[in-house]
Amino acid sequence: MTTAQLVSSAPAIRTTSLQCGTYLSTDLAATRRMLEEVLDLECVRYAPRSLYVRERGHRPGEPLAGKPYLVLEVHEVDAIPNPQAFLNHWGVFVATQSDVDRAYATIVANKERYGIPIVQKPKANHGAYSFYFADADSNWWEVEHRIHKKQYESLRAIGDVV
């Protein structure tokens, strides 16, 4: 099949939701500790070398129960074959700019405990106030607060600008 055959008015795949992403770790226990204690994410170890991760609040009776969520899969490997650059990152949202600053201060103070080699200073960028940090396995994370209510939903409503 050629590229021209894929271009049509109907997509090749009718996606109903974006459900998961995958990244690697050389120490699943340390990664889980960082995800739970630093980023407040919920983790479930579903296999000896694999972990599911999602935001908290989706269990029955919790505020996000029944709502869709993205699951990150973490797979333990012996070595990271291709260290990541910060433009390849996972993002977490916080409620305020002060929350970004608090998160930054907490992560800087606990870098050694969680094996975090790099933490960039917070700054305003692309409609957000955020900072990036790399974990022990070179996976990058952005802690972000959207400025002026420019959430992804409103950006999608604007549509393409080029």
N, C-alpha and C. Protein backbone atom coordinates (compact mmCIF):
# COMPACT_ATOMS: atom_id res chain seq x y z
N MET A 1 0.85 -1.18 0.00
CA MET A 1 0.00 0.00 0.00
C MET A 1 0.90 1.24 0.00
N THR A 2 0.59 2.19 -0.84
CA THR A 2 1.38 3.41 -0.91
C THR A 2 0.80 4.46 0.02
N THR A 3 1.60 5.50 0.27
CA THR A 3 1.14 6.59 1.11
C THR A 3 -0.12 7.23 0.53
N ALA A 4 -0.18 7.37 -0.79
CA ALA A 4 -1.33 7.98 -1.43
C ALA A 4 -2.60 7.21 -1.14
N GLN A 5 -2.51 5.89 -1.01
CA GLN A 5 -3.69 5.09 -0.72
C GLN A 5 -4.20 5.31 0.71
N LEU A 6 -3.34 5.75 1.62
CA LEU A 6 -3.77 5.98 3.00
C LEU A 6 -4.48 7.32 3.16
N VAL A 7 -4.21 8.27 2.28
CA VAL A 7 -4.84 9.58 2.38
C VAL A 7 -6.25 9.48 1.83
N SER A 8 -7.23 9.72 2.71
CA SER A 8 -8.63 9.67 2.29
C SER A 8 -9.45 10.50 3.25
N SER A 9 -10.75 10.56 3.00
CA SER A 9 -11.62 11.31 3.91
C SER A 9 -11.90 10.52 5.18
N ALA A 10 -11.68 9.23 5.18
CA ALA A 10 -11.90 8.40 6.36
C ALA A 10 -10.55 7.92 6.90
N PRO A 11 -10.38 7.96 8.22
CA PRO A 11 -9.11 7.48 8.78
C PRO A 11 -8.96 5.97 8.62
N ALA A 12 -7.73 5.50 8.62
CA ALA A 12 -7.48 4.07 8.52
C ALA A 12 -7.91 3.35 9.80
N ILE A 13 -7.83 4.04 10.93
CA ILE A 13 -8.19 3.46 12.22
C ILE A 13 -9.18 4.40 12.91
N ARG A 14 -10.27 3.88 13.40
CA ARG A 14 -11.26 4.67 14.15
C ARG A 14 -10.93 4.58 15.65
N THR A 15 -10.03 5.41 16.11
CA THR A 15 -9.60 5.39 17.50
C THR A 15 -10.71 5.92 18.39
N THR A 16 -10.99 5.21 19.50
CA THR A 16 -12.02 5.66 20.44
C THR A 16 -11.41 6.34 21.66
N SER A 17 -10.16 6.06 21.99
CA SER A 17 -9.50 6.76 23.08
C SER A 17 -8.00 6.49 23.02
N LEU A 18 -7.26 7.42 23.57
CA LEU A 18 -5.81 7.26 23.73
C LEU A 18 -5.62 6.69 25.12
N GLN A 19 -5.07 5.48 25.23
CA GLN A 19 -5.10 4.78 26.51
C GLN A 19 -3.76 4.62 27.20
N CYS A 20 -2.66 4.49 26.46
CA CYS A 20 -1.43 4.19 27.18
C CYS A 20 -0.19 4.69 26.45
N GLY A 21 0.86 4.79 27.22
CA GLY A 21 2.19 5.10 26.72
C GLY A 21 3.16 4.24 27.51
N THR A 22 4.35 4.06 26.99
CA THR A 22 5.31 3.15 27.62
C THR A 22 6.65 3.82 27.76
N TYR A 23 7.32 3.57 28.88
CA TYR A 23 8.70 3.99 29.03
C TYR A 23 9.47 2.97 29.85
N LEU A 24 10.78 3.15 29.94
CA LEU A 24 11.67 2.15 30.52
C LEU A 24 12.28 2.62 31.83
N SER A 25 12.62 1.64 32.65
CA SER A 25 13.27 1.87 33.93
C SER A 25 14.29 0.77 34.18
N THR A 26 15.39 1.10 34.84
CA THR A 26 16.35 0.07 35.23
C THR A 26 16.13 -0.39 36.67
N ASP A 27 15.23 0.27 37.40
CA ASP A 27 14.95 -0.08 38.79
C ASP A 27 13.49 0.25 39.07
N LEU A 28 12.63 -0.74 38.88
CA LEU A 28 11.18 -0.52 38.99
C LEU A 28 10.76 -0.07 40.39
N ALA A 29 11.39 -0.59 41.43
CA ALA A 29 11.03 -0.19 42.79
C ALA A 29 11.36 1.28 43.02
N ALA A 30 12.52 1.74 42.56
CA ALA A 30 12.89 3.15 42.71
C ALA A 30 11.99 4.04 41.86
N THR A 31 11.65 3.59 40.67
CA THR A 31 10.76 4.35 39.81
C THR A 31 9.39 4.49 40.46
N ARG A 32 8.87 3.41 41.01
CA ARG A 32 7.56 3.46 41.68
C ARG A 32 7.60 4.44 42.86
N ARG A 33 8.66 4.38 43.65
CA ARG A 33 8.79 5.30 44.80
C ARG A 33 8.75 6.75 44.32
N MET A 34 9.47 7.06 43.25
CA MET A 34 9.48 8.43 42.72
C MET A 34 8.10 8.81 42.19
N LEU A 35 7.44 7.92 41.46
CA LEU A 35 6.13 8.22 40.90
C LEU A 35 5.09 8.47 42.00
N GLU A 36 5.11 7.65 43.04
CA GLU A 36 4.13 7.79 44.11
C GLU A 36 4.47 8.94 45.06
N GLU A 37 5.73 9.05 45.46
CA GLU A 37 6.10 10.03 46.48
C GLU A 37 6.37 11.43 45.93
N VAL A 38 6.81 11.52 44.69
CA VAL A 38 7.10 12.83 44.10
C VAL A 38 5.93 13.33 43.26
N LEU A 39 5.42 12.49 42.37
CA LEU A 39 4.37 12.92 41.44
C LEU A 39 2.95 12.54 41.88
N ASP A 40 2.81 11.86 43.01
CA ASP A 40 1.50 11.49 43.56
C ASP A 40 0.66 10.69 42.58
N LEU A 41 1.30 9.80 41.84
CA LEU A 41 0.60 8.94 40.90
C LEU A 41 0.31 7.58 41.53
N GLU A 42 -0.70 6.91 41.00
CA GLU A 42 -1.10 5.60 41.50
C GLU A 42 -0.40 4.53 40.67
N CYS A 43 0.23 3.57 41.33
CA CYS A 43 0.98 2.52 40.64
C CYS A 43 0.47 1.15 41.02
N VAL A 44 0.49 0.24 40.04
CA VAL A 44 0.15 -1.16 40.26
C VAL A 44 1.18 -2.00 39.52
N ARG A 45 1.85 -2.88 40.26
CA ARG A 45 2.84 -3.76 39.64
C ARG A 45 2.09 -5.00 39.15
N TYR A 46 1.86 -5.09 37.85
CA TYR A 46 1.05 -6.17 37.31
C TYR A 46 1.86 -7.36 36.82
N ALA A 47 3.18 -7.22 36.78
CA ALA A 47 4.06 -8.32 36.39
C ALA A 47 5.41 -8.06 37.07
N PRO A 48 6.26 -9.08 37.15
CA PRO A 48 7.53 -8.89 37.87
C PRO A 48 8.36 -7.70 37.38
N ARG A 49 8.32 -7.39 36.09
CA ARG A 49 9.14 -6.30 35.56
C ARG A 49 8.29 -5.22 34.87
N SER A 50 7.03 -5.09 35.30
CA SER A 50 6.15 -4.12 34.67
C SER A 50 5.22 -3.46 35.68
N LEU A 51 4.91 -2.20 35.41
CA LEU A 51 4.13 -1.37 36.32
C LEU A 51 3.14 -0.55 35.50
N TYR A 52 1.91 -0.45 35.99
CA TYR A 52 0.93 0.48 35.42
C TYR A 52 0.89 1.72 36.29
N VAL A 53 0.73 2.88 35.66
CA VAL A 53 0.72 4.16 36.37
C VAL A 53 -0.45 5.00 35.84
N ARG A 54 -1.17 5.66 36.74
CA ARG A 54 -2.22 6.60 36.35
C ARG A 54 -2.35 7.65 37.44
N GLU A 55 -3.11 8.71 37.13
CA GLU A 55 -3.39 9.72 38.15
C GLU A 55 -4.29 9.12 39.21
N ARG A 56 -4.24 9.66 40.40
CA ARG A 56 -5.10 9.18 41.49
C ARG A 56 -6.54 9.69 41.30
N GLY A 57 -7.49 8.99 41.93
CA GLY A 57 -8.86 9.47 41.97
C GLY A 57 -9.84 8.71 41.12
N HIS A 58 -9.45 7.57 40.52
CA HIS A 58 -10.33 6.83 39.62
C HIS A 58 -11.01 5.62 40.27
N ARG A 59 -10.73 5.35 41.51
CA ARG A 59 -11.35 4.21 42.17
C ARG A 59 -12.81 4.54 42.50
N PRO A 60 -13.66 3.52 42.68
CA PRO A 60 -15.07 3.78 43.01
C PRO A 60 -15.20 4.72 44.19
N GLY A 61 -16.08 5.71 44.05
CA GLY A 61 -16.32 6.68 45.10
C GLY A 61 -15.39 7.88 45.06
N GLU A 62 -14.36 7.85 44.22
CA GLU A 62 -13.43 8.98 44.11
C GLU A 62 -13.88 9.92 42.99
N PRO A 63 -13.40 11.16 42.98
CA PRO A 63 -13.91 12.17 42.05
C PRO A 63 -13.82 11.82 40.56
N LEU A 64 -12.83 11.04 40.16
CA LEU A 64 -12.65 10.72 38.75
C LEU A 64 -13.17 9.34 38.37
N ALA A 65 -13.85 8.66 39.29
CA ALA A 65 -14.36 7.31 39.04
C ALA A 65 -15.23 7.30 37.78
N GLY A 66 -14.97 6.34 36.92
CA GLY A 66 -15.75 6.20 35.69
C GLY A 66 -15.29 7.06 34.54
N LYS A 67 -14.38 7.99 34.79
CA LYS A 67 -13.88 8.85 33.71
C LYS A 67 -12.67 8.19 33.05
N PRO A 68 -12.47 8.45 31.76
CA PRO A 68 -11.32 7.84 31.08
C PRO A 68 -10.00 8.36 31.63
N TYR A 69 -8.97 7.56 31.48
CA TYR A 69 -7.64 7.97 31.93
C TYR A 69 -6.57 7.34 31.05
N LEU A 70 -5.43 7.95 31.05
CA LEU A 70 -4.26 7.46 30.33
C LEU A 70 -3.43 6.63 31.30
N VAL A 71 -3.00 5.47 30.86
CA VAL A 71 -2.14 4.60 31.67
C VAL A 71 -0.74 4.63 31.08
N LEU A 72 0.24 4.85 31.93
CA LEU A 72 1.63 4.69 31.52
C LEU A 72 2.06 3.29 31.94
N GLU A 73 2.75 2.61 31.05
CA GLU A 73 3.34 1.32 31.38
C GLU A 73 4.83 1.53 31.54
N VAL A 74 5.38 1.04 32.63
CA VAL A 74 6.81 1.12 32.85
C VAL A 74 7.35 -0.30 32.80
N HIS A 75 8.33 -0.53 31.95
CA HIS A 75 8.95 -1.85 31.83
C HIS A 75 10.38 -1.78 32.31
N GLU A 76 10.75 -2.71 33.17
CA GLU A 76 12.11 -2.75 33.70
C GLU A 76 13.03 -3.44 32.69
N VAL A 77 14.16 -2.82 32.44
CA VAL A 77 15.18 -3.35 31.54
C VAL A 77 16.53 -3.28 32.25
N ASP A 78 17.49 -3.99 31.73
CA ASP A 78 18.82 -3.98 32.35
C ASP A 78 19.58 -2.69 32.08
N ALA A 79 19.33 -2.08 30.93
CA ALA A 79 20.01 -0.83 30.57
C ALA A 79 19.09 -0.02 29.66
N ILE A 80 19.23 1.30 29.72
CA ILE A 80 18.45 2.19 28.86
C ILE A 80 19.21 2.33 27.54
N PRO A 81 18.67 1.81 26.44
CA PRO A 81 19.41 1.84 25.18
C PRO A 81 19.52 3.23 24.55
N ASN A 82 18.50 4.06 24.74
CA ASN A 82 18.47 5.39 24.13
C ASN A 82 18.02 6.41 25.15
N PRO A 83 18.94 7.10 25.83
CA PRO A 83 18.53 8.13 26.78
C PRO A 83 17.66 9.18 26.09
N GLN A 84 16.67 9.68 26.82
CA GLN A 84 15.71 10.62 26.26
C GLN A 84 16.17 12.07 26.36
N ALA A 85 15.66 12.90 25.48
CA ALA A 85 15.86 14.35 25.53
C ALA A 85 14.60 14.96 26.16
N PHE A 86 14.73 16.16 26.73
CA PHE A 86 13.59 16.71 27.47
C PHE A 86 12.37 17.01 26.61
N LEU A 87 12.53 17.15 25.31
CA LEU A 87 11.35 17.36 24.46
C LEU A 87 10.51 16.09 24.36
N ASN A 88 11.08 14.94 24.71
CA ASN A 88 10.33 13.69 24.83
C ASN A 88 10.03 13.52 26.31
N HIS A 89 8.88 14.02 26.75
CA HIS A 89 8.60 14.03 28.18
C HIS A 89 7.14 13.68 28.47
N TRP A 90 6.90 13.33 29.72
CA TRP A 90 5.56 13.13 30.24
C TRP A 90 5.21 14.37 31.06
N GLY A 91 3.96 14.80 31.02
CA GLY A 91 3.56 16.00 31.74
C GLY A 91 2.53 15.72 32.80
N VAL A 92 2.65 16.42 33.91
CA VAL A 92 1.62 16.39 34.96
C VAL A 92 1.20 17.83 35.23
N PHE A 93 -0.09 18.02 35.46
CA PHE A 93 -0.63 19.34 35.73
C PHE A 93 -0.79 19.56 37.22
N VAL A 94 -0.60 20.80 37.64
CA VAL A 94 -0.89 21.21 39.02
C VAL A 94 -1.82 22.42 38.95
N ALA A 95 -2.44 22.75 40.08
CA ALA A 95 -3.52 23.75 40.08
C ALA A 95 -3.04 25.20 39.96
N THR A 96 -1.86 25.53 40.49
CA THR A 96 -1.45 26.94 40.51
C THR A 96 0.05 27.07 40.21
N GLN A 97 0.47 28.31 39.91
CA GLN A 97 1.89 28.58 39.73
C GLN A 97 2.65 28.33 41.03
N SER A 98 2.04 28.64 42.16
CA SER A 98 2.66 28.37 43.45
C SER A 98 2.91 26.88 43.63
N ASP A 99 2.00 26.05 43.12
CA ASP A 99 2.20 24.59 43.20
C ASP A 99 3.41 24.17 42.37
N VAL A 100 3.63 24.82 41.24
CA VAL A 100 4.81 24.54 40.42
C VAL A 100 6.07 24.88 41.23
N ASP A 101 6.07 26.06 41.85
CA ASP A 101 7.23 26.49 42.63
C ASP A 101 7.49 25.56 43.81
N ARG A 102 6.42 25.13 44.49
CA ARG A 102 6.57 24.20 45.61
C ARG A 102 7.12 22.85 45.13
N ALA A 103 6.59 22.37 44.01
CA ALA A 103 7.08 21.11 43.45
C ALA A 103 8.55 21.20 43.09
N TYR A 104 8.93 22.32 42.47
CA TYR A 104 10.34 22.53 42.11
C TYR A 104 11.22 22.49 43.36
N ALA A 105 10.85 23.22 44.40
CA ALA A 105 11.64 23.27 45.62
C ALA A 105 11.74 21.88 46.27
N THR A 106 10.65 21.14 46.26
CA THR A 106 10.64 19.81 46.86
C THR A 106 11.54 18.86 46.08
N ILE A 107 11.44 18.91 44.76
CA ILE A 107 12.26 18.01 43.94
C ILE A 107 13.74 18.36 44.06
N VAL A 108 14.07 19.64 44.05
CA VAL A 108 15.47 20.05 44.22
C VAL A 108 16.00 19.56 45.57
N ALA A 109 15.20 19.68 46.61
CA ALA A 109 15.63 19.26 47.95
C ALA A 109 15.77 17.75 48.08
N ASN A 110 15.12 17.00 47.19
CA ASN A 110 15.13 15.54 47.28
C ASN A 110 15.77 14.86 46.07
N LYS A 111 16.57 15.60 45.31
CA LYS A 111 17.20 15.04 44.11
C LYS A 111 17.96 13.75 44.41
N GLU A 112 18.79 13.78 45.42
CA GLU A 112 19.63 12.61 45.72
C GLU A 112 18.80 11.42 46.17
N ARG A 113 17.78 11.68 46.97
CA ARG A 113 16.92 10.59 47.47
C ARG A 113 16.28 9.80 46.33
N TYR A 114 15.87 10.52 45.26
CA TYR A 114 15.18 9.87 44.15
C TYR A 114 16.06 9.69 42.92
N GLY A 115 17.34 10.00 43.02
CA GLY A 115 18.25 9.81 41.89
C GLY A 115 17.95 10.71 40.71
N ILE A 116 17.48 11.91 40.98
CA ILE A 116 17.10 12.86 39.92
C ILE A 116 18.34 13.69 39.55
N PRO A 117 18.89 13.50 38.36
CA PRO A 117 20.14 14.17 38.02
C PRO A 117 19.99 15.61 37.54
N ILE A 118 18.83 15.95 36.95
CA ILE A 118 18.67 17.28 36.34
C ILE A 118 17.30 17.84 36.69
N VAL A 119 17.28 19.09 37.16
CA VAL A 119 16.03 19.81 37.39
C VAL A 119 16.22 21.21 36.80
N GLN A 120 15.38 21.55 35.83
CA GLN A 120 15.45 22.89 35.24
C GLN A 120 14.56 23.84 36.03
N LYS A 121 14.93 25.10 36.06
CA LYS A 121 14.17 26.10 36.81
C LYS A 121 12.82 26.37 36.15
N PRO A 122 11.80 26.69 36.97
CA PRO A 122 10.48 27.03 36.40
C PRO A 122 10.55 28.29 35.55
N LYS A 123 9.71 28.30 34.50
CA LYS A 123 9.60 29.49 33.65
C LYS A 123 8.28 29.44 32.90
N ALA A 124 7.88 30.60 32.40
CA ALA A 124 6.69 30.71 31.56
C ALA A 124 7.09 30.32 30.15
N ASN A 125 6.33 29.41 29.56
CA ASN A 125 6.65 28.92 28.23
C ASN A 125 5.40 28.30 27.61
N HIS A 126 5.17 28.53 26.37
CA HIS A 126 4.04 27.99 25.59
C HIS A 126 2.71 27.99 26.33
N GLY A 127 2.38 29.11 26.95
CA GLY A 127 1.10 29.24 27.64
C GLY A 127 1.03 28.55 28.99
N ALA A 128 2.19 28.21 29.52
CA ALA A 128 2.23 27.50 30.80
C ALA A 128 3.36 28.04 31.65
N TYR A 129 3.27 27.76 32.94
CA TYR A 129 4.37 27.99 33.86
C TYR A 129 4.78 26.60 34.33
N SER A 130 6.03 26.22 34.08
CA SER A 130 6.41 24.84 34.32
C SER A 130 7.91 24.69 34.50
N PHE A 131 8.29 23.47 34.87
CA PHE A 131 9.70 23.09 34.86
C PHE A 131 9.80 21.63 34.45
N TYR A 132 10.99 21.26 34.00
CA TYR A 132 11.27 19.90 33.57
C TYR A 132 12.31 19.29 34.50
N PHE A 133 12.21 17.98 34.68
CA PHE A 133 13.28 17.26 35.36
C PHE A 133 13.42 15.87 34.75
N ALA A 134 14.63 15.33 34.84
CA ALA A 134 14.90 13.99 34.35
C ALA A 134 14.95 13.04 35.53
N ASP A 135 14.38 11.85 35.37
CA ASP A 135 14.49 10.87 36.43
C ASP A 135 15.79 10.08 36.27
N ALA A 136 16.00 9.10 37.11
CA ALA A 136 17.25 8.35 37.10
C ALA A 136 17.49 7.58 35.80
N ASP A 137 16.43 7.35 35.03
CA ASP A 137 16.54 6.59 33.78
C ASP A 137 16.47 7.47 32.54
N SER A 138 16.65 8.77 32.70
CA SER A 138 16.62 9.77 31.63
C SER A 138 15.23 9.99 31.05
N ASN A 139 14.18 9.57 31.77
CA ASN A 139 12.83 9.92 31.36
C ASN A 139 12.56 11.33 31.86
N TRP A 140 12.05 12.18 31.00
CA TRP A 140 11.81 13.59 31.37
C TRP A 140 10.37 13.79 31.76
N TRP A 141 10.15 14.69 32.72
CA TRP A 141 8.84 15.03 33.26
C TRP A 141 8.69 16.54 33.25
N GLU A 142 7.49 17.00 32.94
CA GLU A 142 7.17 18.43 33.04
C GLU A 142 6.09 18.59 34.10
N VAL A 143 6.31 19.46 35.07
CA VAL A 143 5.31 19.82 36.06
C VAL A 143 4.79 21.18 35.62
N GLU A 144 3.50 21.25 35.32
CA GLU A 144 2.97 22.39 34.57
C GLU A 144 1.67 22.93 35.14
N HIS A 145 1.56 24.26 35.10
CA HIS A 145 0.29 24.94 35.37
C HIS A 145 -0.02 25.78 34.13
N ARG A 146 -1.19 25.58 33.56
CA ARG A 146 -1.59 26.35 32.38
C ARG A 146 -1.99 27.76 32.80
N ILE A 147 -1.43 28.77 32.12
CA ILE A 147 -1.71 30.17 32.40
C ILE A 147 -2.91 30.61 31.55
N HIS A 148 -3.73 31.48 32.09
CA HIS A 148 -4.86 32.08 31.36
C HIS A 148 -5.82 31.03 30.82
N LYS A 149 -5.99 29.96 31.56
CA LYS A 149 -6.96 28.91 31.20
C LYS A 149 -6.73 28.36 29.81
N LYS A 150 -5.50 28.35 29.34
CA LYS A 150 -5.19 27.79 28.02
C LYS A 150 -4.97 26.28 28.15
N GLN A 151 -6.00 25.58 28.60
CA GLN A 151 -5.90 24.13 28.70
C GLN A 151 -5.93 23.54 27.29
N TYR A 152 -5.58 22.30 27.18
CA TYR A 152 -5.54 21.65 25.87
C TYR A 152 -6.90 21.68 25.18
N GLU A 153 -7.99 21.63 25.94
CA GLU A 153 -9.31 21.65 25.33
C GLU A 153 -9.54 22.96 24.59
N SER A 154 -9.16 24.10 25.19
CA SER A 154 -9.37 25.38 24.52
C SER A 154 -8.42 25.52 23.34
N LEU A 155 -7.22 24.96 23.44
CA LEU A 155 -6.30 25.01 22.30
C LEU A 155 -6.84 24.20 21.12
N ARG A 156 -7.43 23.05 21.41
CA ARG A 156 -8.03 22.25 20.32
C ARG A 156 -9.20 23.00 19.70
N ALA A 157 -9.98 23.74 20.49
CA ALA A 157 -11.12 24.47 19.97
C ALA A 157 -10.68 25.55 18.98
N ILE A 158 -9.50 26.12 19.20
CA ILE A 158 -8.98 27.12 18.27
C ILE A 158 -8.67 26.48 16.92
N GLY A 159 -8.17 25.25 16.93
CA GLY A 159 -7.83 24.56 15.70
C GLY A 159 -6.44 24.92 15.21
N ASP A 160 -6.12 24.47 14.04
CA ASP A 160 -4.82 24.73 13.44
C ASP A 160 -4.62 26.22 13.21
N VAL A 161 -3.42 26.70 13.47
CA VAL A 161 -3.11 28.10 13.25
C VAL A 161 -2.13 28.30 12.09
N VAL A 162 -1.67 27.24 11.52
CA VAL A 162 -0.77 27.34 10.36
C VAL A 162 -1.28 26.52 9.22
